[in-house]
């Protein structure tokens, strides 16, 4: 009964959002009409990553239209772009038949959230949770402000992120299969540090899902 009521409330909430913030039926990138979000042509231009490790999957390579979507979301607060990116991760979950118990995301410090206004990984994680009914947990916290990883070398990235994550409570993740959401992975230092803390506090399995894979 509880799940049924929750689904009805979610549907009502989505319908209200559609009324207040009507979606334009045109591609966010090329503006061709007749598409909501991204058109098939633009989507086909995204260079997708092969799945070599089913516990660590990126949708595509960081460049071109995929990079544009990520930057629009993160720095221009374009939440339509954010929804498109969330849907790309949903594709991974569906195509790989990933059955997880809980969704976590790479956290930001309160200072960083105040500066940007939101955590893009949390927004994506909430969209994915909404569409999969996999519960979301904000148990991973970032306790120390760090330099931006993109400005650092591979070795500097590891030391910059070392020991900055912690767990508020292990009850959501103990003995669970956890999906960990991040936007861009380069050296893997950030997601590895998050994985380590999740495993330390009892997670049974971690599947890292990211939008894009980049190189230094």
Protein backbone atom coordinates (compact mmCIF):
# COMPACT_ATOMS: atom_id res chain seq x y z
CA UNK A 1 0.00 0.00 0.00
CA UNK A 2 2.79 2.42 0.95
CA UNK A 3 4.63 1.94 -2.36
CA UNK A 4 1.42 2.45 -4.35
CA UNK A 5 0.68 5.75 -2.59
CA UNK A 6 4.28 6.87 -3.10
CA UNK A 7 4.07 6.16 -6.85
CA UNK A 8 0.79 8.10 -7.12
CA UNK A 9 2.30 11.07 -5.28
CA UNK A 10 5.36 10.96 -7.58
CA UNK A 11 3.10 11.00 -10.64
CA UNK A 12 1.13 13.99 -9.30
CA UNK A 13 4.38 15.81 -8.48
CA UNK A 14 5.72 15.22 -12.01
CA UNK A 15 2.47 16.45 -13.59
CA UNK A 16 2.60 19.62 -11.48
CA UNK A 17 6.20 20.21 -12.57
CA UNK A 18 5.15 19.82 -16.22
CA UNK A 19 2.49 22.51 -15.71
CA UNK A 20 4.75 24.96 -13.87
CA UNK A 21 7.84 24.28 -16.00
CA UNK A 22 6.55 23.14 -19.41
CA UNK A 23 9.10 21.20 -21.43
CA UNK A 24 10.04 22.63 -24.82
CA UNK A 25 9.73 20.02 -27.55
CA UNK A 26 13.05 20.73 -29.22
CA UNK A 27 16.55 19.33 -28.93
CA UNK A 28 18.56 21.13 -26.25
CA UNK A 29 21.67 21.01 -28.47
CA UNK A 30 20.65 21.61 -32.10
CA UNK A 31 17.14 23.01 -31.35
CA UNK A 32 15.42 20.85 -33.95
CA UNK A 33 11.73 20.59 -33.06
CA UNK A 34 9.84 17.44 -32.22
CA UNK A 35 12.21 16.08 -29.57
CA UNK A 36 12.18 16.39 -25.80
CA UNK A 37 15.70 16.67 -24.41
CA UNK A 38 18.11 15.49 -27.08
CA UNK A 39 17.43 14.39 -30.66
CA UNK A 40 18.55 11.04 -32.05
CA UNK A 41 21.09 12.69 -34.36
CA UNK A 42 22.87 14.57 -31.57
CA UNK A 43 22.78 11.53 -29.30
CA UNK A 44 24.37 9.40 -32.01
CA UNK A 45 27.35 11.78 -32.09
CA UNK A 46 28.28 10.92 -28.50
CA UNK A 47 31.28 8.58 -28.53
CA UNK A 48 30.28 5.76 -26.20
CA UNK A 49 32.62 3.77 -23.97
CA UNK A 50 32.88 0.00 -24.22
CA UNK A 51 31.93 -1.89 -21.07
CA UNK A 52 35.16 -3.56 -19.97
CA UNK A 53 34.46 -3.69 -16.23
CA UNK A 54 30.84 -4.11 -15.13
CA UNK A 55 31.61 -2.58 -11.73
CA UNK A 56 32.90 0.66 -13.27
CA UNK A 57 30.99 1.95 -16.30
CA UNK A 58 31.10 5.31 -18.10
CA UNK A 59 28.50 6.18 -20.73
CA UNK A 60 30.84 8.04 -23.10
CA UNK A 61 34.07 9.92 -23.56
CA UNK A 62 34.39 13.48 -22.26
CA UNK A 63 34.25 15.66 -25.34
CA UNK A 64 31.98 17.13 -27.99
CA UNK A 65 28.26 17.19 -27.23
CA UNK A 66 28.60 15.14 -24.04
CA UNK A 67 31.05 17.66 -22.60
CA UNK A 68 28.69 20.47 -23.61
CA UNK A 69 25.79 18.84 -21.75
CA UNK A 70 27.89 18.35 -18.61
CA UNK A 71 29.14 21.94 -18.60
CA UNK A 72 25.64 23.30 -19.26
CA UNK A 73 24.35 21.39 -16.26
CA UNK A 74 27.19 22.11 -13.84
CA UNK A 75 27.95 25.73 -14.59
CA UNK A 76 24.82 27.14 -16.29
CA UNK A 77 22.26 25.38 -14.06
CA UNK A 78 20.59 23.81 -17.09
CA UNK A 79 18.50 21.13 -15.40
CA UNK A 80 17.16 19.82 -18.71
CA UNK A 81 20.76 18.88 -19.51
CA UNK A 82 20.93 17.26 -16.07
CA UNK A 83 17.86 15.16 -16.80
CA UNK A 84 19.34 14.04 -20.12
CA UNK A 85 22.55 13.00 -18.37
CA UNK A 86 20.54 11.12 -15.74
CA UNK A 87 18.74 9.26 -18.52
CA UNK A 88 22.08 8.19 -20.02
CA UNK A 89 22.98 6.53 -16.72
CA UNK A 90 19.51 4.96 -16.64
CA UNK A 91 20.37 3.41 -20.01
CA UNK A 92 23.44 1.81 -18.46
CA UNK A 93 21.38 0.42 -15.57
CA UNK A 94 18.78 -1.04 -17.93
CA UNK A 95 21.22 -2.35 -20.56
CA UNK A 96 23.46 -4.00 -17.97
CA UNK A 97 20.53 -5.23 -15.84
CA UNK A 98 22.02 -3.70 -12.70
CA UNK A 99 20.01 -4.64 -9.62
CA UNK A 100 21.23 -2.56 -6.69
CA UNK A 101 19.87 -1.93 -3.21
CA UNK A 102 20.76 1.73 -2.81
CA UNK A 103 22.14 4.71 -4.75
CA UNK A 104 24.90 6.94 -3.37
CA UNK A 105 26.70 9.83 -5.02
CA UNK A 106 30.02 11.65 -4.78
CA UNK A 107 29.40 14.40 -2.21
CA UNK A 108 30.56 18.01 -2.10
CA UNK A 109 31.41 20.15 0.91
CA UNK A 110 28.80 22.62 2.14
CA UNK A 111 31.08 25.43 0.96
CA UNK A 112 31.23 24.02 -2.58
CA UNK A 113 27.45 23.53 -2.69
CA UNK A 114 26.88 27.12 -1.58
CA UNK A 115 29.17 28.31 -4.38
CA UNK A 116 27.54 26.25 -7.15
CA UNK A 117 24.06 26.10 -5.70
CA UNK A 118 23.66 22.34 -5.99
CA UNK A 119 25.53 19.04 -6.25
CA UNK A 120 25.14 17.79 -9.82
CA UNK A 121 25.81 14.19 -8.74
CA UNK A 122 23.04 14.36 -6.15
CA UNK A 123 20.57 15.74 -8.71
CA UNK A 124 21.38 12.89 -11.10
CA UNK A 125 21.19 10.32 -8.32
CA UNK A 126 17.75 11.61 -7.28
CA UNK A 127 16.50 11.48 -10.88
CA UNK A 128 17.77 7.91 -11.21
CA UNK A 129 16.22 6.90 -7.89
CA UNK A 130 12.90 8.44 -8.98
CA UNK A 131 12.89 6.39 -12.20
CA UNK A 132 14.12 3.08 -10.75
CA UNK A 133 12.57 3.06 -7.27
CA UNK A 134 16.05 2.27 -5.90
CA UNK A 135 16.33 4.27 -2.66
CA UNK A 136 18.91 7.03 -2.41
CA UNK A 137 21.22 7.62 0.55
CA UNK A 138 23.21 10.72 1.44
CA UNK A 139 25.34 8.77 3.90
CA UNK A 140 28.65 9.69 2.20
CA UNK A 141 29.93 13.11 3.26
CA UNK A 142 32.94 15.19 2.27
CA UNK A 143 34.44 16.59 5.43
CA UNK A 144 37.24 18.71 4.00
CA UNK A 145 37.40 21.26 1.19
CA UNK A 146 39.90 20.34 -1.55
CA UNK A 147 41.39 21.83 -4.68
CA UNK A 148 39.54 21.06 -7.90
CA UNK A 149 40.79 17.72 -9.21
CA UNK A 150 40.84 18.94 -12.81
CA UNK A 151 43.71 21.34 -11.99
CA UNK A 152 45.99 18.58 -10.63
CA UNK A 153 48.27 15.82 -11.90
CA UNK A 154 47.50 12.13 -11.35
CA UNK A 155 49.63 11.87 -8.19
CA UNK A 156 48.34 15.20 -6.86
CA UNK A 157 44.76 14.03 -7.33
CA UNK A 158 45.32 11.00 -5.11
CA UNK A 159 46.86 12.99 -2.27
CA UNK A 160 44.31 15.82 -2.66
CA UNK A 161 41.34 13.51 -2.13
CA UNK A 162 42.90 11.14 0.43
CA UNK A 163 40.81 10.78 3.58
CA UNK A 164 38.28 13.51 2.76
CA UNK A 165 35.19 11.27 2.70
CA UNK A 166 33.34 9.76 5.63
CA UNK A 167 30.08 7.96 6.41
CA UNK A 168 27.32 9.51 8.53
CA UNK A 169 25.63 6.18 9.14
CA UNK A 170 26.24 2.70 7.77
CA UNK A 171 22.64 1.46 8.10
CA UNK A 172 21.74 2.32 4.48
CA UNK A 173 24.74 0.53 2.95
CA UNK A 174 25.66 -2.37 5.24
CA UNK A 175 25.65 -5.65 3.26
CA UNK A 176 24.11 -3.78 0.29
CA UNK A 177 24.90 -3.49 -3.42
CA UNK A 178 25.55 0.24 -3.87
CA UNK A 179 25.45 2.26 -7.09
CA UNK A 180 27.87 5.18 -6.80
CA UNK A 181 27.14 8.12 -9.13
CA UNK A 182 29.74 10.61 -10.40
CA UNK A 183 29.76 12.89 -13.43
CA UNK A 184 33.29 12.61 -14.89
CA UNK A 185 36.01 10.09 -14.08
CA UNK A 186 39.63 10.75 -15.04
CA UNK A 187 42.18 8.95 -12.87
CA UNK A 188 39.50 7.38 -10.70
CA UNK A 189 40.99 8.85 -7.52
CA UNK A 190 37.70 10.37 -6.30
CA UNK A 191 35.47 7.35 -6.92
CA UNK A 192 38.13 4.99 -5.53
CA UNK A 193 38.25 6.99 -2.30
CA UNK A 194 34.44 6.91 -2.08
CA UNK A 195 34.41 3.17 -2.81
CA UNK A 196 36.96 2.51 -0.08
CA UNK A 197 34.95 4.31 2.58
CA UNK A 198 31.71 2.55 1.51
CA UNK A 199 33.41 -0.86 1.68
CA UNK A 200 35.04 0.01 5.00
CA UNK A 201 31.61 0.66 6.50
CA UNK A 202 30.07 -2.55 5.26
CA UNK A 203 28.88 -2.19 1.65
CA UNK A 204 28.86 -5.60 -0.04
CA UNK A 205 29.37 -4.46 -3.64
CA UNK A 206 29.95 -1.13 -5.40
CA UNK A 207 29.02 -0.36 -9.01
CA UNK A 208 30.41 2.99 -10.16
CA UNK A 209 28.37 4.68 -12.90
CA UNK A 210 29.62 7.89 -14.51
CA UNK A 211 28.55 10.03 -17.42
CA UNK A 212 31.96 10.48 -18.98
CA UNK A 213 35.52 9.19 -19.00
CA UNK A 214 38.27 11.77 -19.45
CA UNK A 215 42.05 11.88 -19.74
CA UNK A 216 44.45 14.27 -18.00
